[in-house]
Amino acid sequence: MNKPFNLINTAFEFLADAVSPNYHPLIGLAKDAAAGAVLISAIGSVVIGLIVIVPYLNTQTKIYAKVDSIA
């Protein structure tokens, strides 16, 4: 899920470096915004992963608790 954002960010950085090889504050801000988009997509991936795995782990924990109480 995060790979397309990384590719777009990399392409944007190469384009910005080609347009203005010297430091420019606006290009720095644009690069920071693109990196922020990558960070937000990574956080979203973690949240979706947790939404998927937490119910499974909760179910497994209840099963193990029942097995321990029987033994």
PDB file of N, CA and C in Angstrom:
ATOM      1  N   MET A   1       0.820  -1.189   0.000  1.00  0.00           N
ATOM      2  CA  MET A   1       0.000   0.000   0.000  1.00  0.00           C
ATOM      3  C   MET A   1       0.869   1.261   0.000  1.00  0.00           C
ATOM      4  N   ASN A   2       2.028   1.176   0.598  1.00  0.00           N
ATOM      5  CA  ASN A   2       2.877   2.339   0.743  1.00  0.00           C
ATOM      6  C   ASN A   2       3.796   2.549  -0.457  1.00  0.00           C
ATOM      7  N   LYS A   3       4.026   1.516  -1.252  1.00  0.00           N
ATOM      8  CA  LYS A   3       4.980   1.590  -2.348  1.00  0.00           C
ATOM      9  C   LYS A   3       4.643   2.667  -3.381  1.00  0.00           C
ATOM     10  N   PRO A   4       3.393   2.812  -3.823  1.00  0.00           N
ATOM     11  CA  PRO A   4       3.109   3.883  -4.801  1.00  0.00           C
ATOM     12  C   PRO A   4       3.446   5.272  -4.278  1.00  0.00           C
ATOM     13  N   PHE A   5       3.215   5.522  -3.006  1.00  0.00           N
ATOM     14  CA  PHE A   5       3.539   6.827  -2.444  1.00  0.00           C
ATOM     15  C   PHE A   5       5.045   7.053  -2.419  1.00  0.00           C
ATOM     16  N   ASN A   6       5.812   6.000  -2.126  1.00  0.00           N
ATOM     17  CA  ASN A   6       7.264   6.124  -2.155  1.00  0.00           C
ATOM     18  C   ASN A   6       7.755   6.411  -3.566  1.00  0.00           C
ATOM     19  N   LEU A   7       7.186   5.740  -4.552  1.00  0.00           N
ATOM     20  CA  LEU A   7       7.603   5.970  -5.933  1.00  0.00           C
ATOM     21  C   LEU A   7       7.269   7.389  -6.387  1.00  0.00           C
ATOM     22  N   ILE A   8       6.081   7.869  -6.029  1.00  0.00           N
ATOM     23  CA  ILE A   8       5.696   9.241  -6.390  1.00  0.00           C
ATOM     24  C   ILE A   8       6.606  10.242  -5.687  1.00  0.00           C
ATOM     25  N   ASN A   9       6.918   9.996  -4.434  1.00  0.00           N
ATOM     26  CA  ASN A   9       7.802  10.886  -3.684  1.00  0.00           C
ATOM     27  C   ASN A   9       9.186  10.934  -4.321  1.00  0.00           C
ATOM     28  N   THR A  10       9.713   9.767  -4.693  1.00  0.00           N
ATOM     29  CA  THR A  10      11.037   9.719  -5.314  1.00  0.00           C
ATOM     30  C   THR A  10      11.036  10.452  -6.654  1.00  0.00           C
ATOM     31  N   ALA A  11      10.004  10.217  -7.461  1.00  0.00           N
ATOM     32  CA  ALA A  11       9.913  10.909  -8.752  1.00  0.00           C
ATOM     33  C   ALA A  11       9.817  12.421  -8.551  1.00  0.00           C
ATOM     34  N   PHE A  12       9.056  12.830  -7.559  1.00  0.00           N
ATOM     35  CA  PHE A  12       8.903  14.258  -7.281  1.00  0.00           C
ATOM     36  C   PHE A  12      10.231  14.873  -6.849  1.00  0.00           C
ATOM     37  N   GLU A  13      10.997  14.155  -6.030  1.00  0.00           N
ATOM     38  CA  GLU A  13      12.283  14.675  -5.586  1.00  0.00           C
ATOM     39  C   GLU A  13      13.267  14.787  -6.745  1.00  0.00           C
ATOM     40  N   PHE A  14      13.299  13.789  -7.635  1.00  0.00           N
ATOM     41  CA  PHE A  14      14.173  13.875  -8.805  1.00  0.00           C
ATOM     42  C   PHE A  14      13.772  15.049  -9.693  1.00  0.00           C
ATOM     43  N   LEU A  15      12.479  15.232  -9.888  1.00  0.00           N
ATOM     44  CA  LEU A  15      11.997  16.343 -10.703  1.00  0.00           C
ATOM     45  C   LEU A  15      12.367  17.688 -10.071  1.00  0.00           C
ATOM     46  N   ALA A  16      12.188  17.798  -8.775  1.00  0.00           N
ATOM     47  CA  ALA A  16      12.524  19.046  -8.088  1.00  0.00           C
ATOM     48  C   ALA A  16      14.021  19.331  -8.167  1.00  0.00           C
ATOM     49  N   ASP A  17      14.845  18.295  -8.048  1.00  0.00           N
ATOM     50  CA  ASP A  17      16.290  18.489  -8.156  1.00  0.00           C
ATOM     51  C   ASP A  17      16.696  18.882  -9.573  1.00  0.00           C
ATOM     52  N   ALA A  18      15.989  18.359 -10.583  1.00  0.00           N
ATOM     53  CA  ALA A  18      16.298  18.711 -11.970  1.00  0.00           C
ATOM     54  C   ALA A  18      15.900  20.148 -12.278  1.00  0.00           C
ATOM     55  N   VAL A  19      14.788  20.593 -11.720  1.00  0.00           N
ATOM     56  CA  VAL A  19      14.311  21.956 -11.979  1.00  0.00           C
ATOM     57  C   VAL A  19      15.197  22.981 -11.277  1.00  0.00           C
ATOM     58  N   SER A  20      15.549  22.688 -10.045  1.00  0.00           N
ATOM     59  CA  SER A  20      16.352  23.634  -9.273  1.00  0.00           C
ATOM     60  C   SER A  20      17.403  22.866  -8.474  1.00  0.00           C
ATOM     61  N   PRO A  21      18.610  22.689  -9.056  1.00  0.00           N
ATOM     62  CA  PRO A  21      19.652  21.929  -8.339  1.00  0.00           C
ATOM     63  C   PRO A  21      20.122  22.628  -7.058  1.00  0.00           C
ATOM     64  N   ASN A  22      20.000  23.943  -7.011  1.00  0.00           N
ATOM     65  CA  ASN A  22      20.372  24.677  -5.802  1.00  0.00           C
ATOM     66  C   ASN A  22      19.216  24.644  -4.805  1.00  0.00           C
ATOM     67  N   TYR A  23      19.566  24.909  -3.552  1.00  0.00           N
ATOM     68  CA  TYR A  23      18.536  24.893  -2.512  1.00  0.00           C
ATOM     69  C   TYR A  23      17.555  26.043  -2.733  1.00  0.00           C
ATOM     70  N   HIS A  24      16.282  25.701  -2.633  1.00  0.00           N
ATOM     71  CA  HIS A  24      15.228  26.726  -2.675  1.00  0.00           C
ATOM     72  C   HIS A  24      14.212  26.370  -1.599  1.00  0.00           C
ATOM     73  N   PRO A  25      13.812  27.331  -0.764  1.00  0.00           N
ATOM     74  CA  PRO A  25      12.924  27.007   0.357  1.00  0.00           C
ATOM     75  C   PRO A  25      11.583  26.412  -0.066  1.00  0.00           C
ATOM     76  N   LEU A  26      11.026  26.855  -1.176  1.00  0.00           N
ATOM     77  CA  LEU A  26       9.734  26.304  -1.600  1.00  0.00           C
ATOM     78  C   LEU A  26       9.863  24.852  -2.061  1.00  0.00           C
ATOM     79  N   ILE A  27      10.955  24.534  -2.719  1.00  0.00           N
ATOM     80  CA  ILE A  27      11.162  23.132  -3.123  1.00  0.00           C
ATOM     81  C   ILE A  27      11.380  22.273  -1.885  1.00  0.00           C
ATOM     82  N   GLY A  28      12.068  22.822  -0.888  1.00  0.00           N
ATOM     83  CA  GLY A  28      12.232  22.094   0.371  1.00  0.00           C
ATOM     84  C   GLY A  28      10.899  21.808   1.034  1.00  0.00           C
ATOM     85  N   LEU A  29      10.006  22.787   1.018  1.00  0.00           N
ATOM     86  CA  LEU A  29       8.668  22.577   1.592  1.00  0.00           C
ATOM     87  C   LEU A  29       7.872  21.557   0.792  1.00  0.00           C
ATOM     88  N   ALA A  30       7.996  21.604  -0.529  1.00  0.00           N
ATOM     89  CA  ALA A  30       7.273  20.636  -1.368  1.00  0.00           C
ATOM     90  C   ALA A  30       7.786  19.216  -1.114  1.00  0.00           C
ATOM     91  N   LYS A  31       9.099  19.073  -0.954  1.00  0.00           N
ATOM     92  CA  LYS A  31       9.659  17.742  -0.649  1.00  0.00           C
ATOM     93  C   LYS A  31       9.183  17.262   0.723  1.00  0.00           C
ATOM     94  N   ASP A  32       9.132  18.179   1.679  1.00  0.00           N
ATOM     95  CA  ASP A  32       8.639  17.810   3.009  1.00  0.00           C
ATOM     96  C   ASP A  32       7.175  17.377   2.964  1.00  0.00           C
ATOM     97  N   ALA A  33       6.379  18.046   2.151  1.00  0.00           N
ATOM     98  CA  ALA A  33       4.965  17.677   2.024  1.00  0.00           C
ATOM     99  C   ALA A  33       4.828  16.293   1.391  1.00  0.00           C
ATOM    100  N   ALA A  34       5.646  16.009   0.376  1.00  0.00           N
ATOM    101  CA  ALA A  34       5.607  14.685  -0.256  1.00  0.00           C
ATOM    102  C   ALA A  34       6.051  13.602   0.733  1.00  0.00           C
ATOM    103  N   ALA A  35       7.065  13.897   1.527  1.00  0.00           N
ATOM    104  CA  ALA A  35       7.501  12.937   2.538  1.00  0.00           C
ATOM    105  C   ALA A  35       6.418  12.750   3.605  1.00  0.00           C
ATOM    106  N   GLY A  36       5.698  13.805   3.915  1.00  0.00           N
ATOM    107  CA  GLY A  36       4.580  13.699   4.864  1.00  0.00           C
ATOM    108  C   GLY A  36       3.478  12.797   4.339  1.00  0.00           C
ATOM    109  N   ALA A  37       3.235  12.859   3.032  1.00  0.00           N
ATOM    110  CA  ALA A  37       2.228  11.966   2.438  1.00  0.00           C
ATOM    111  C   ALA A  37       2.655  10.508   2.570  1.00  0.00           C
ATOM    112  N   VAL A  38       3.941  10.249   2.398  1.00  0.00           N
ATOM    113  CA  VAL A  38       4.450   8.884   2.574  1.00  0.00           C
ATOM    114  C   VAL A  38       4.279   8.445   4.027  1.00  0.00           C
ATOM    115  N   LEU A  39       4.578   9.338   4.959  1.00  0.00           N
ATOM    116  CA  LEU A  39       4.420   9.013   6.381  1.00  0.00           C
ATOM    117  C   LEU A  39       2.968   8.714   6.727  1.00  0.00           C
ATOM    118  N   ILE A  40       2.049   9.514   6.222  1.00  0.00           N
ATOM    119  CA  ILE A  40       0.633   9.289   6.501  1.00  0.00           C
ATOM    120  C   ILE A  40       0.164   7.959   5.921  1.00  0.00           C
ATOM    121  N   SER A  41       0.651   7.615   4.726  1.00  0.00           N
ATOM    122  CA  SER A  41       0.258   6.322   4.139  1.00  0.00           C
ATOM    123  C   SER A  41       0.842   5.165   4.943  1.00  0.00           C
ATOM    124  N   ALA A  42       2.051   5.334   5.479  1.00  0.00           N
ATOM    125  CA  ALA A  42       2.642   4.285   6.306  1.00  0.00           C
ATOM    126  C   ALA A  42       1.852   4.104   7.602  1.00  0.00           C
ATOM    127  N   ILE A  43       1.452   5.204   8.213  1.00  0.00           N
ATOM    128  CA  ILE A  43       0.640   5.123   9.436  1.00  0.00           C
ATOM    129  C   ILE A  43      -0.702   4.464   9.129  1.00  0.00           C
ATOM    130  N   GLY A  44      -1.289   4.806   7.996  1.00  0.00           N
ATOM    131  CA  GLY A  44      -2.544   4.164   7.583  1.00  0.00           C
ATOM    132  C   GLY A  44      -2.383   2.667   7.392  1.00  0.00           C
ATOM    133  N   SER A  45      -1.250   2.253   6.839  1.00  0.00           N
ATOM    134  CA  SER A  45      -0.990   0.818   6.658  1.00  0.00           C
ATOM    135  C   SER A  45      -0.908   0.107   8.002  1.00  0.00           C
ATOM    136  N   VAL A  46      -0.265   0.735   8.966  1.00  0.00           N
ATOM    137  CA  VAL A  46      -0.163   0.135  10.305  1.00  0.00           C
ATOM    138  C   VAL A  46      -1.542   0.027  10.943  1.00  0.00           C
ATOM    139  N   VAL A  47      -2.349   1.059  10.817  1.00  0.00           N
ATOM    140  CA  VAL A  47      -3.695   1.042  11.403  1.00  0.00           C
ATOM    141  C   VAL A  47      -4.532  -0.063  10.772  1.00  0.00           C
ATOM    142  N   ILE A  48      -4.482  -0.187   9.444  1.00  0.00           N
ATOM    143  CA  ILE A  48      -5.242  -1.247   8.781  1.00  0.00           C
ATOM    144  C   ILE A  48      -4.739  -2.620   9.209  1.00  0.00           C
ATOM    145  N   GLY A  49      -3.426  -2.769   9.322  1.00  0.00           N
ATOM    146  CA  GLY A  49      -2.873  -4.035   9.803  1.00  0.00           C
ATOM    147  C   GLY A  49      -3.357  -4.378  11.199  1.00  0.00           C
ATOM    148  N   LEU A  50      -3.414  -3.385  12.069  1.00  0.00           N
ATOM    149  CA  LEU A  50      -3.903  -3.630  13.427  1.00  0.00           C
ATOM    150  C   LEU A  50      -5.389  -3.984  13.436  1.00  0.00           C
ATOM    151  N   ILE A  51      -6.160  -3.315  12.577  1.00  0.00           N
ATOM    152  CA  ILE A  51      -7.593  -3.635  12.496  1.00  0.00           C
ATOM    153  C   ILE A  51      -7.792  -5.081  12.077  1.00  0.00           C
ATOM    154  N   VAL A  52      -6.921  -5.570  11.220  1.00  0.00           N
ATOM    155  CA  VAL A  52      -7.048  -6.945  10.741  1.00  0.00           C
ATOM    156  C   VAL A  52      -6.551  -7.950  11.779  1.00  0.00           C
ATOM    157  N   ILE A  53      -5.421  -7.672  12.436  1.00  0.00           N
ATOM    158  CA  ILE A  53      -4.785  -8.700  13.265  1.00  0.00           C
ATOM    159  C   ILE A  53      -5.265  -8.718  14.714  1.00  0.00           C
ATOM    160  N   VAL A  54      -5.694  -7.586  15.258  1.00  0.00           N
ATOM    161  CA  VAL A  54      -6.085  -7.555  16.676  1.00  0.00           C
ATOM    162  C   VAL A  54      -7.261  -8.481  16.973  1.00  0.00           C
ATOM    163  N   PRO A  55      -8.323  -8.496  16.171  1.00  0.00           N
ATOM    164  CA  PRO A  55      -9.401  -9.448  16.472  1.00  0.00           C
ATOM    165  C   PRO A  55      -8.928 -10.912  16.433  1.00  0.00           C
ATOM    166  N   TYR A  56      -8.030 -11.227  15.511  1.00  0.00           N
ATOM    167  CA  TYR A  56      -7.491 -12.585  15.442  1.00  0.00           C
ATOM    168  C   TYR A  56      -6.703 -12.913  16.704  1.00  0.00           C
ATOM    169  N   LEU A  57      -5.840 -11.993  17.121  1.00  0.00           N
ATOM    170  CA  LEU A  57      -5.052 -12.243  18.333  1.00  0.00           C
ATOM    171  C   LEU A  57      -5.949 -12.319  19.565  1.00  0.00           C
ATOM    172  N   ASN A  58      -6.994 -11.522  19.616  1.00  0.00           N
ATOM    173  CA  ASN A  58      -7.931 -11.558  20.734  1.00  0.00           C
ATOM    174  C   ASN A  58      -8.624 -12.916  20.805  1.00  0.00           C
ATOM    175  N   THR A  59      -9.000 -13.455  19.657  1.00  0.00           N
ATOM    176  CA  THR A  59      -9.637 -14.774  19.607  1.00  0.00           C
ATOM    177  C   THR A  59      -8.667 -15.849  20.072  1.00  0.00           C
ATOM    178  N   GLN A  60      -7.430 -15.769  19.607  1.00  0.00           N
ATOM    179  CA  GLN A  60      -6.436 -16.766  19.994  1.00  0.00           C
ATOM    180  C   GLN A  60      -6.143 -16.702  21.496  1.00  0.00           C
ATOM    181  N   THR A  61      -6.114 -15.513  22.056  1.00  0.00           N
ATOM    182  CA  THR A  61      -5.864 -15.367  23.493  1.00  0.00           C
ATOM    183  C   THR A  61      -6.990 -15.996  24.301  1.00  0.00           C
ATOM    184  N   LYS A  62      -8.224 -15.817  23.873  1.00  0.00           N
ATOM    185  CA  LYS A  62      -9.350 -16.424  24.594  1.00  0.00           C
ATOM    186  C   LYS A  62      -9.297 -17.947  24.511  1.00  0.00           C
ATOM    187  N   ILE A  63      -8.890 -18.488  23.385  1.00  0.00           N
ATOM    188  CA  ILE A  63      -8.770 -19.948  23.249  1.00  0.00           C
ATOM    189  C   ILE A  63      -7.718 -20.476  24.201  1.00  0.00           C
ATOM    190  N   TYR A  64      -6.553 -19.804  24.260  1.00  0.00           N
ATOM    191  CA  TYR A  64      -5.491 -20.258  25.160  1.00  0.00           C
ATOM    192  C   TYR A  64      -5.897 -20.114  26.626  1.00  0.00           C
ATOM    193  N   ALA A  65      -6.679 -19.106  26.966  1.00  0.00           N
ATOM    194  CA  ALA A  65      -7.134 -18.934  28.334  1.00  0.00           C
ATOM    195  C   ALA A  65      -8.057 -20.084  28.721  1.00  0.00           C
ATOM    196  N   LYS A  66      -8.918 -20.533  27.793  1.00  0.00           N
ATOM    197  CA  LYS A  66      -9.813 -21.650  28.063  1.00  0.00           C
ATOM    198  C   LYS A  66      -9.022 -22.933  28.240  1.00  0.00           C
ATOM    199  N   VAL A  67      -7.989 -23.140  27.427  1.00  0.00           N
ATOM    200  CA  VAL A  67      -7.160 -24.345  27.544  1.00  0.00           C
ATOM    201  C   VAL A  67      -6.430 -24.352  28.868  1.00  0.00           C
ATOM    202  N   ASP A  68      -5.913 -23.215  29.309  1.00  0.00           N
ATOM    203  CA  ASP A  68      -5.214 -23.133  30.594  1.00  0.00           C
ATOM    204  C   ASP A  68      -6.168 -23.399  31.767  1.00  0.00           C
ATOM    205  N   SER A  69      -7.393 -22.944  31.673  1.00  0.00           N
ATOM    206  CA  SER A  69      -8.342 -23.147  32.769  1.00  0.00           C
ATOM    207  C   SER A  69      -8.785 -24.597  32.855  1.00  0.00           C
ATOM    208  N   ILE A  70      -8.769 -25.310  31.731  1.00  0.00           N
ATOM    209  CA  ILE A  70      -9.156 -26.746  31.738  1.00  0.00           C
ATOM    210  C   ILE A  70      -8.039 -27.581  32.353  1.00  0.00           C
ATOM    211  N   ALA A  71      -6.798 -27.225  32.050  1.00  0.00           N
ATOM    212  CA  ALA A  71      -5.661 -28.024  32.501  1.00  0.00           C
ATOM    213  C   ALA A  71      -5.357 -27.864  33.943  1.00  0.00           C
TER     214      ALA A  71
END
